[in-house]
């Protein structure tokens, strides 16, 4: 388990907050996209791995490059990394993402 003190000291800027109809529209688009990915037998992990240099042919692909650039320039990027490192806890108290912490600590295989 990663101690809170192991988190980087960098301050995360506030991300753009969507509220009201915009938040509902974003949520619907995300769910539609996840359902589409499932219909193509593609899970989020495989998708991200391929886009982020796991697939050698996508490394120089213009669409993959654009997607990587858009993410890194997004106002949500720093918060995404923080949440990936330490996911916010939900009331369901599901399992913690221990593997992502190992990656940041340099112990992943």
C-alpha atoms as a PDB file:
ATOM      1  CA  UNK A   1       0.000   0.000   0.000  1.00  0.00           C
ATOM      2  CA  UNK A   2       1.223   3.475  -0.834  1.00  0.00           C
ATOM      3  CA  UNK A   3       1.348   5.974   1.990  1.00  0.00           C
ATOM      4  CA  UNK A   4      -0.135   9.415   1.472  1.00  0.00           C
ATOM      5  CA  UNK A   5       3.342  10.876   1.904  1.00  0.00           C
ATOM      6  CA  UNK A   6       4.449   8.978  -1.210  1.00  0.00           C
ATOM      7  CA  UNK A   7       2.282  11.228  -3.381  1.00  0.00           C
ATOM      8  CA  UNK A   8       4.113  13.880  -5.384  1.00  0.00           C
ATOM      9  CA  UNK A   9       4.110  17.330  -3.804  1.00  0.00           C
ATOM     10  CA  UNK A  10       2.949  19.001  -6.992  1.00  0.00           C
ATOM     11  CA  UNK A  11      -0.290  20.893  -6.710  1.00  0.00           C
ATOM     12  CA  UNK A  12      -2.996  19.767  -9.056  1.00  0.00           C
ATOM     13  CA  UNK A  13      -4.776  22.667 -10.762  1.00  0.00           C
ATOM     14  CA  UNK A  14      -8.550  22.528 -10.624  1.00  0.00           C
ATOM     15  CA  UNK A  15     -10.048  20.913 -13.696  1.00  0.00           C
ATOM     16  CA  UNK A  16     -12.891  22.394 -15.635  1.00  0.00           C
ATOM     17  CA  UNK A  17     -16.040  21.301 -13.863  1.00  0.00           C
ATOM     18  CA  UNK A  18     -19.010  20.278 -15.952  1.00  0.00           C
ATOM     19  CA  UNK A  19     -22.376  20.820 -14.359  1.00  0.00           C
ATOM     20  CA  UNK A  20     -25.979  20.369 -15.313  1.00  0.00           C
ATOM     21  CA  UNK A  21     -26.806  19.400 -18.898  1.00  0.00           C
ATOM     22  CA  UNK A  22     -23.136  19.409 -19.966  1.00  0.00           C
ATOM     23  CA  UNK A  23     -22.222  16.884 -17.277  1.00  0.00           C
ATOM     24  CA  UNK A  24     -25.143  14.636 -18.248  1.00  0.00           C
ATOM     25  CA  UNK A  25     -24.200  14.872 -21.938  1.00  0.00           C
ATOM     26  CA  UNK A  26     -20.577  13.990 -21.170  1.00  0.00           C
ATOM     27  CA  UNK A  27     -21.660  11.065 -19.000  1.00  0.00           C
ATOM     28  CA  UNK A  28     -23.947   9.776 -21.786  1.00  0.00           C
ATOM     29  CA  UNK A  29     -21.182  10.085 -24.388  1.00  0.00           C
ATOM     30  CA  UNK A  30     -18.784   8.194 -22.144  1.00  0.00           C
ATOM     31  CA  UNK A  31     -21.285   5.398 -21.534  1.00  0.00           C
ATOM     32  CA  UNK A  32     -22.078   5.230 -25.265  1.00  0.00           C
ATOM     33  CA  UNK A  33     -18.360   5.016 -26.054  1.00  0.00           C
ATOM     34  CA  UNK A  34     -17.769   2.280 -23.462  1.00  0.00           C
ATOM     35  CA  UNK A  35     -20.701   0.301 -24.865  1.00  0.00           C
ATOM     36  CA  UNK A  36     -19.322   0.730 -28.394  1.00  0.00           C
ATOM     37  CA  UNK A  37     -15.908  -0.486 -27.244  1.00  0.00           C
ATOM     38  CA  UNK A  38     -17.536  -3.555 -25.664  1.00  0.00           C
ATOM     39  CA  UNK A  39     -19.354  -4.234 -28.939  1.00  0.00           C
ATOM     40  CA  UNK A  40     -15.903  -4.345 -30.595  1.00  0.00           C
ATOM     41  CA  UNK A  41     -14.516  -6.617 -27.831  1.00  0.00           C
ATOM     42  CA  UNK A  42     -12.165  -3.848 -26.744  1.00  0.00           C
ATOM     43  CA  UNK A  43     -11.719  -3.010 -23.077  1.00  0.00           C
ATOM     44  CA  UNK A  44     -10.361   0.257 -21.733  1.00  0.00           C
ATOM     45  CA  UNK A  45      -7.029  -1.236 -20.672  1.00  0.00           C
ATOM     46  CA  UNK A  46      -6.287  -2.667 -24.110  1.00  0.00           C
ATOM     47  CA  UNK A  47      -7.383   0.576 -25.755  1.00  0.00           C
ATOM     48  CA  UNK A  48      -5.148   2.764 -23.591  1.00  0.00           C
ATOM     49  CA  UNK A  49      -2.210   0.384 -23.937  1.00  0.00           C
ATOM     50  CA  UNK A  50      -2.488   0.495 -27.738  1.00  0.00           C
ATOM     51  CA  UNK A  51      -2.871   4.284 -27.932  1.00  0.00           C
ATOM     52  CA  UNK A  52      -0.051   4.913 -25.458  1.00  0.00           C
ATOM     53  CA  UNK A  53       2.756   3.255 -27.388  1.00  0.00           C
ATOM     54  CA  UNK A  54       1.833  -0.403 -26.784  1.00  0.00           C
ATOM     55  CA  UNK A  55       1.036  -0.947 -30.469  1.00  0.00           C
ATOM     56  CA  UNK A  56       4.089  -0.152 -32.619  1.00  0.00           C
ATOM     57  CA  UNK A  57       1.973   0.803 -35.642  1.00  0.00           C
ATOM     58  CA  UNK A  58      -0.012   3.335 -33.590  1.00  0.00           C
ATOM     59  CA  UNK A  59       3.110   5.060 -32.264  1.00  0.00           C
ATOM     60  CA  UNK A  60       3.368   7.232 -35.358  1.00  0.00           C
ATOM     61  CA  UNK A  61      -0.313   7.118 -36.345  1.00  0.00           C
ATOM     62  CA  UNK A  62      -1.666  10.664 -36.751  1.00  0.00           C
ATOM     63  CA  UNK A  63      -4.940   9.914 -34.931  1.00  0.00           C
ATOM     64  CA  UNK A  64      -3.171   8.278 -31.981  1.00  0.00           C
ATOM     65  CA  UNK A  65      -0.675  11.167 -31.798  1.00  0.00           C
ATOM     66  CA  UNK A  66      -3.528  13.670 -31.790  1.00  0.00           C
ATOM     67  CA  UNK A  67      -5.332  11.760 -29.023  1.00  0.00           C
ATOM     68  CA  UNK A  68      -2.162  11.643 -26.879  1.00  0.00           C
ATOM     69  CA  UNK A  69      -1.552  15.369 -27.406  1.00  0.00           C
ATOM     70  CA  UNK A  70      -5.156  16.280 -26.602  1.00  0.00           C
ATOM     71  CA  UNK A  71      -4.984  14.331 -23.360  1.00  0.00           C
ATOM     72  CA  UNK A  72      -1.680  15.836 -22.254  1.00  0.00           C
ATOM     73  CA  UNK A  73      -2.977  19.357 -22.962  1.00  0.00           C
ATOM     74  CA  UNK A  74      -6.335  18.783 -21.260  1.00  0.00           C
ATOM     75  CA  UNK A  75      -7.156  20.706 -18.081  1.00  0.00           C
ATOM     76  CA  UNK A  76      -8.145  17.293 -16.660  1.00  0.00           C
ATOM     77  CA  UNK A  77      -4.758  15.635 -17.250  1.00  0.00           C
ATOM     78  CA  UNK A  78      -3.158  16.314 -13.857  1.00  0.00           C
ATOM     79  CA  UNK A  79      -6.313  15.233 -12.025  1.00  0.00           C
ATOM     80  CA  UNK A  80      -6.511  12.103 -14.206  1.00  0.00           C
ATOM     81  CA  UNK A  81      -2.970  11.137 -13.180  1.00  0.00           C
ATOM     82  CA  UNK A  82      -3.704  11.816  -9.524  1.00  0.00           C
ATOM     83  CA  UNK A  83      -6.933   9.770  -9.669  1.00  0.00           C
ATOM     84  CA  UNK A  84      -5.177   6.965 -11.518  1.00  0.00           C
ATOM     85  CA  UNK A  85      -2.506   6.876  -8.818  1.00  0.00           C
ATOM     86  CA  UNK A  86      -5.009   7.067  -5.980  1.00  0.00           C
ATOM     87  CA  UNK A  87      -8.620   6.543  -7.063  1.00  0.00           C
ATOM     88  CA  UNK A  88     -11.257   8.383  -5.057  1.00  0.00           C
ATOM     89  CA  UNK A  89     -13.022   5.978  -2.720  1.00  0.00           C
ATOM     90  CA  UNK A  90     -16.670   5.284  -3.303  1.00  0.00           C
ATOM     91  CA  UNK A  91     -19.349   4.168  -0.897  1.00  0.00           C
ATOM     92  CA  UNK A  92     -19.196   0.695  -2.436  1.00  0.00           C
ATOM     93  CA  UNK A  93     -15.663   0.350  -1.029  1.00  0.00           C
ATOM     94  CA  UNK A  94     -14.468  -1.719  -3.959  1.00  0.00           C
ATOM     95  CA  UNK A  95     -10.925  -2.969  -4.209  1.00  0.00           C
ATOM     96  CA  UNK A  96      -8.177  -0.377  -4.416  1.00  0.00           C
ATOM     97  CA  UNK A  97      -6.120  -0.106  -7.574  1.00  0.00           C
ATOM     98  CA  UNK A  98      -2.842  -1.433  -6.181  1.00  0.00           C
ATOM     99  CA  UNK A  99      -1.237  -2.171  -9.532  1.00  0.00           C
ATOM    100  CA  UNK A 100      -1.321   1.470 -10.669  1.00  0.00           C
ATOM    101  CA  UNK A 101       0.533   2.519  -7.523  1.00  0.00           C
ATOM    102  CA  UNK A 102       3.242  -0.054  -8.304  1.00  0.00           C
ATOM    103  CA  UNK A 103       3.752   1.527 -11.708  1.00  0.00           C
ATOM    104  CA  UNK A 104       4.351   4.939 -10.185  1.00  0.00           C
ATOM    105  CA  UNK A 105       6.713   3.485  -7.653  1.00  0.00           C
ATOM    106  CA  UNK A 106       8.679   1.704 -10.378  1.00  0.00           C
ATOM    107  CA  UNK A 107       7.969  -1.846  -9.234  1.00  0.00           C
ATOM    108  CA  UNK A 108       5.608  -2.946 -12.034  1.00  0.00           C
ATOM    109  CA  UNK A 109       6.666  -5.799 -14.251  1.00  0.00           C
END
